[in-house]
Amino acid sequence: MSRGSKKYYIIFVDDYSRYTMVHLLSSKDEAEEMFIKYKAKVENQLDRKIKIFRSYRGGEYDPTSLKNYCDANGIIHEQTALILQSKTV
């Protein structure tokens, strides 16, 4: 836990430029709000548009809400494949 009582972090990395931003989060449900802020900052500061957003299936994002947001903004949302781990005894 950090000084500001932040227990989680989220990292946004641009595949092309490797531009990276790290945000500290108090809870995982802040992830979608941070993506919206990141999108605004990238578009305003770097004069770039986000075309594809990749995330893994960690449960940080509300799938319906994020899908609607991405669809409304012309962003393709790709999720990594779900990997099931088997236990061997």
N, C-alpha and C. Protein backbone atom coordinates (compact mmCIF):
# COMPACT_ATOMS: atom_id res chain seq x y z
N MET A 1 0.85 -1.18 0.00
CA MET A 1 0.00 0.00 0.00
C MET A 1 0.90 1.24 0.00
N SER A 2 0.53 2.23 -0.81
CA SER A 2 1.32 3.45 -0.92
C SER A 2 0.94 4.46 0.17
N ARG A 3 1.62 5.58 0.18
CA ARG A 3 1.32 6.63 1.16
C ARG A 3 -0.10 7.14 1.05
N GLY A 4 -0.61 7.21 -0.16
CA GLY A 4 -1.98 7.71 -0.36
C GLY A 4 -3.03 6.61 -0.28
N SER A 5 -2.70 5.51 0.37
CA SER A 5 -3.60 4.36 0.53
C SER A 5 -4.01 3.75 -0.81
N LYS A 6 -3.14 3.77 -1.77
CA LYS A 6 -3.41 3.17 -3.07
C LYS A 6 -2.89 1.75 -3.05
N LYS A 7 -3.75 0.80 -3.41
CA LYS A 7 -3.38 -0.60 -3.36
C LYS A 7 -3.10 -1.20 -4.74
N TYR A 8 -3.53 -0.52 -5.80
CA TYR A 8 -3.41 -1.06 -7.15
C TYR A 8 -2.75 -0.04 -8.07
N TYR A 9 -2.33 -0.50 -9.21
CA TYR A 9 -1.82 0.40 -10.23
C TYR A 9 -2.28 -0.09 -11.60
N ILE A 10 -2.33 0.82 -12.54
CA ILE A 10 -2.68 0.49 -13.91
C ILE A 10 -1.65 1.17 -14.81
N ILE A 11 -1.21 0.44 -15.81
CA ILE A 11 -0.20 0.95 -16.73
C ILE A 11 -0.79 0.99 -18.13
N PHE A 12 -0.64 2.13 -18.80
CA PHE A 12 -1.04 2.28 -20.20
C PHE A 12 0.23 2.43 -21.02
N VAL A 13 0.37 1.60 -22.05
CA VAL A 13 1.56 1.63 -22.91
C VAL A 13 1.12 1.72 -24.36
N ASP A 14 1.65 2.71 -25.08
CA ASP A 14 1.41 2.82 -26.50
C ASP A 14 2.36 1.87 -27.22
N ASP A 15 1.80 0.95 -28.02
CA ASP A 15 2.62 -0.05 -28.72
C ASP A 15 3.62 0.57 -29.68
N TYR A 16 3.25 1.65 -30.32
CA TYR A 16 4.12 2.24 -31.33
C TYR A 16 5.26 3.05 -30.70
N SER A 17 4.91 4.01 -29.86
CA SER A 17 5.93 4.92 -29.32
C SER A 17 6.52 4.46 -27.99
N ARG A 18 5.87 3.50 -27.35
CA ARG A 18 6.22 3.02 -26.00
C ARG A 18 5.96 4.08 -24.94
N TYR A 19 5.18 5.12 -25.28
CA TYR A 19 4.76 6.14 -24.31
C TYR A 19 4.00 5.41 -23.20
N THR A 20 4.41 5.61 -21.97
CA THR A 20 3.87 4.85 -20.85
C THR A 20 3.39 5.80 -19.75
N MET A 21 2.25 5.46 -19.17
CA MET A 21 1.73 6.19 -18.02
C MET A 21 1.31 5.19 -16.96
N VAL A 22 1.61 5.51 -15.71
CA VAL A 22 1.24 4.66 -14.59
C VAL A 22 0.32 5.49 -13.68
N HIS A 23 -0.78 4.89 -13.28
CA HIS A 23 -1.72 5.54 -12.36
C HIS A 23 -1.91 4.64 -11.15
N LEU A 24 -1.93 5.23 -9.98
CA LEU A 24 -2.22 4.48 -8.76
C LEU A 24 -3.71 4.52 -8.50
N LEU A 25 -4.25 3.39 -8.04
CA LEU A 25 -5.69 3.26 -7.82
C LEU A 25 -5.97 2.80 -6.39
N SER A 26 -7.04 3.30 -5.82
CA SER A 26 -7.48 2.83 -4.51
C SER A 26 -8.21 1.51 -4.64
N SER A 27 -8.96 1.35 -5.74
CA SER A 27 -9.68 0.11 -5.99
C SER A 27 -9.72 -0.14 -7.50
N LYS A 28 -9.97 -1.39 -7.87
CA LYS A 28 -9.96 -1.76 -9.29
C LYS A 28 -11.07 -1.08 -10.08
N ASP A 29 -12.14 -0.68 -9.42
CA ASP A 29 -13.24 -0.06 -10.16
C ASP A 29 -12.91 1.34 -10.68
N GLU A 30 -11.75 1.88 -10.33
CA GLU A 30 -11.31 3.17 -10.86
C GLU A 30 -10.63 3.03 -12.22
N ALA A 31 -10.41 1.81 -12.69
CA ALA A 31 -9.64 1.56 -13.92
C ALA A 31 -10.30 2.20 -15.14
N GLU A 32 -11.60 2.07 -15.27
CA GLU A 32 -12.28 2.62 -16.44
C GLU A 32 -12.18 4.15 -16.47
N GLU A 33 -12.34 4.77 -15.33
CA GLU A 33 -12.21 6.24 -15.25
C GLU A 33 -10.80 6.67 -15.63
N MET A 34 -9.79 5.91 -15.22
CA MET A 34 -8.41 6.24 -15.57
C MET A 34 -8.18 6.08 -17.07
N PHE A 35 -8.80 5.09 -17.70
CA PHE A 35 -8.67 4.94 -19.15
C PHE A 35 -9.27 6.15 -19.86
N ILE A 36 -10.41 6.62 -19.40
CA ILE A 36 -11.06 7.78 -20.02
C ILE A 36 -10.16 9.02 -19.87
N LYS A 37 -9.55 9.19 -18.70
CA LYS A 37 -8.63 10.32 -18.50
C LYS A 37 -7.39 10.17 -19.37
N TYR A 38 -6.86 8.95 -19.47
CA TYR A 38 -5.69 8.69 -20.32
C TYR A 38 -6.01 9.01 -21.77
N LYS A 39 -7.16 8.59 -22.24
CA LYS A 39 -7.57 8.85 -23.62
C LYS A 39 -7.62 10.36 -23.88
N ALA A 40 -8.21 11.11 -22.97
CA ALA A 40 -8.29 12.56 -23.13
C ALA A 40 -6.90 13.19 -23.15
N LYS A 41 -6.03 12.75 -22.28
CA LYS A 41 -4.68 13.31 -22.21
C LYS A 41 -3.89 13.01 -23.48
N VAL A 42 -3.96 11.78 -23.95
CA VAL A 42 -3.24 11.40 -25.17
C VAL A 42 -3.73 12.22 -26.36
N GLU A 43 -5.04 12.34 -26.48
CA GLU A 43 -5.59 13.07 -27.62
C GLU A 43 -5.27 14.56 -27.56
N ASN A 44 -5.24 15.13 -26.37
CA ASN A 44 -4.96 16.56 -26.24
C ASN A 44 -3.47 16.88 -26.26
N GLN A 45 -2.68 16.13 -25.52
CA GLN A 45 -1.26 16.44 -25.39
C GLN A 45 -0.41 15.94 -26.55
N LEU A 46 -0.74 14.76 -27.06
CA LEU A 46 0.09 14.16 -28.11
C LEU A 46 -0.53 14.24 -29.49
N ASP A 47 -1.74 14.78 -29.55
CA ASP A 47 -2.46 14.91 -30.82
C ASP A 47 -2.55 13.57 -31.55
N ARG A 48 -2.89 12.52 -30.81
CA ARG A 48 -3.04 11.18 -31.35
C ARG A 48 -4.41 10.64 -30.97
N LYS A 49 -4.90 9.69 -31.75
CA LYS A 49 -6.17 9.03 -31.46
C LYS A 49 -5.90 7.59 -31.05
N ILE A 50 -6.62 7.10 -30.06
CA ILE A 50 -6.54 5.70 -29.67
C ILE A 50 -7.46 4.93 -30.62
N LYS A 51 -6.89 3.95 -31.29
CA LYS A 51 -7.66 3.16 -32.25
C LYS A 51 -8.02 1.79 -31.71
N ILE A 52 -7.08 1.20 -30.98
CA ILE A 52 -7.29 -0.12 -30.39
C ILE A 52 -6.85 -0.07 -28.94
N PHE A 53 -7.68 -0.64 -28.07
CA PHE A 53 -7.37 -0.71 -26.65
C PHE A 53 -7.34 -2.18 -26.27
N ARG A 54 -6.18 -2.66 -25.79
CA ARG A 54 -6.03 -4.05 -25.39
C ARG A 54 -5.97 -4.14 -23.88
N SER A 55 -6.71 -5.09 -23.34
CA SER A 55 -6.68 -5.33 -21.90
C SER A 55 -6.78 -6.82 -21.65
N TYR A 56 -6.40 -7.22 -20.47
CA TYR A 56 -6.56 -8.63 -20.13
C TYR A 56 -7.82 -8.79 -19.28
N ARG A 57 -8.27 -9.96 -19.15
CA ARG A 57 -9.54 -10.23 -18.47
C ARG A 57 -9.37 -10.30 -16.95
N GLY A 58 -8.92 -9.21 -16.37
CA GLY A 58 -8.69 -9.18 -14.93
C GLY A 58 -9.87 -8.70 -14.13
N GLY A 59 -10.95 -8.31 -14.78
CA GLY A 59 -12.15 -7.87 -14.07
C GLY A 59 -12.13 -6.41 -13.65
N GLU A 60 -11.17 -5.63 -14.17
CA GLU A 60 -11.08 -4.22 -13.79
C GLU A 60 -12.16 -3.38 -14.45
N TYR A 61 -12.56 -3.79 -15.63
CA TYR A 61 -13.50 -2.99 -16.42
C TYR A 61 -14.88 -3.63 -16.47
N ASP A 62 -15.90 -2.79 -16.37
CA ASP A 62 -17.26 -3.25 -16.57
C ASP A 62 -17.41 -3.50 -18.07
N PRO A 63 -17.60 -4.75 -18.50
CA PRO A 63 -17.57 -5.05 -19.94
C PRO A 63 -18.61 -4.28 -20.75
N THR A 64 -19.80 -4.10 -20.23
CA THR A 64 -20.84 -3.40 -20.97
C THR A 64 -20.53 -1.91 -21.08
N SER A 65 -20.17 -1.30 -19.98
CA SER A 65 -19.88 0.13 -19.95
C SER A 65 -18.69 0.47 -20.85
N LEU A 66 -17.61 -0.31 -20.74
CA LEU A 66 -16.43 -0.05 -21.55
C LEU A 66 -16.70 -0.29 -23.03
N LYS A 67 -17.48 -1.33 -23.34
CA LYS A 67 -17.83 -1.60 -24.73
C LYS A 67 -18.62 -0.44 -25.32
N ASN A 68 -19.58 0.06 -24.59
CA ASN A 68 -20.37 1.20 -25.06
C ASN A 68 -19.50 2.44 -25.26
N TYR A 69 -18.58 2.68 -24.33
CA TYR A 69 -17.68 3.84 -24.44
C TYR A 69 -16.78 3.70 -25.66
N CYS A 70 -16.19 2.53 -25.83
CA CYS A 70 -15.29 2.31 -26.97
C CYS A 70 -16.06 2.40 -28.29
N ASP A 71 -17.24 1.81 -28.36
CA ASP A 71 -18.05 1.89 -29.58
C ASP A 71 -18.40 3.34 -29.92
N ALA A 72 -18.75 4.12 -28.91
CA ALA A 72 -19.13 5.52 -29.13
C ALA A 72 -17.94 6.36 -29.60
N ASN A 73 -16.71 5.93 -29.26
CA ASN A 73 -15.52 6.69 -29.61
C ASN A 73 -14.71 6.05 -30.73
N GLY A 74 -15.26 5.03 -31.38
CA GLY A 74 -14.58 4.39 -32.50
C GLY A 74 -13.32 3.63 -32.12
N ILE A 75 -13.30 3.08 -30.92
CA ILE A 75 -12.14 2.33 -30.43
C ILE A 75 -12.47 0.85 -30.44
N ILE A 76 -11.56 0.05 -30.97
CA ILE A 76 -11.71 -1.40 -30.93
C ILE A 76 -11.14 -1.89 -29.61
N HIS A 77 -11.95 -2.61 -28.84
CA HIS A 77 -11.47 -3.14 -27.56
C HIS A 77 -11.17 -4.62 -27.73
N GLU A 78 -9.90 -4.97 -27.57
CA GLU A 78 -9.48 -6.37 -27.65
C GLU A 78 -9.10 -6.84 -26.26
N GLN A 79 -9.51 -8.07 -25.95
CA GLN A 79 -9.15 -8.66 -24.67
C GLN A 79 -8.28 -9.88 -24.92
N THR A 80 -7.35 -10.12 -24.03
CA THR A 80 -6.51 -11.30 -24.16
C THR A 80 -7.35 -12.56 -23.97
N ALA A 81 -6.85 -13.65 -24.46
CA ALA A 81 -7.54 -14.92 -24.30
C ALA A 81 -7.56 -15.31 -22.83
N LEU A 82 -8.64 -15.89 -22.42
CA LEU A 82 -8.77 -16.35 -21.04
C LEU A 82 -8.00 -17.66 -20.91
N ILE A 83 -7.06 -17.71 -20.01
CA ILE A 83 -6.25 -18.91 -19.81
C ILE A 83 -6.71 -19.59 -18.52
N LEU A 84 -7.12 -20.81 -18.67
CA LEU A 84 -7.55 -21.60 -17.52
C LEU A 84 -6.37 -22.43 -17.02
N GLN A 85 -6.15 -22.38 -15.74
CA GLN A 85 -5.06 -23.15 -15.18
C GLN A 85 -5.62 -24.42 -14.55
N SER A 86 -4.99 -25.52 -14.84
CA SER A 86 -5.46 -26.78 -14.26
C SER A 86 -4.53 -27.16 -13.11
N LYS A 87 -5.10 -27.75 -12.12
CA LYS A 87 -4.30 -28.20 -10.98
C LYS A 87 -4.02 -29.69 -11.12
N THR A 88 -2.80 -30.06 -10.89
CA THR A 88 -2.45 -31.47 -10.89
C THR A 88 -2.07 -31.88 -9.48
N VAL A 89 -2.58 -32.95 -9.10
CA VAL A 89 -2.31 -33.43 -7.73
C VAL A 89 -1.36 -34.60 -7.78
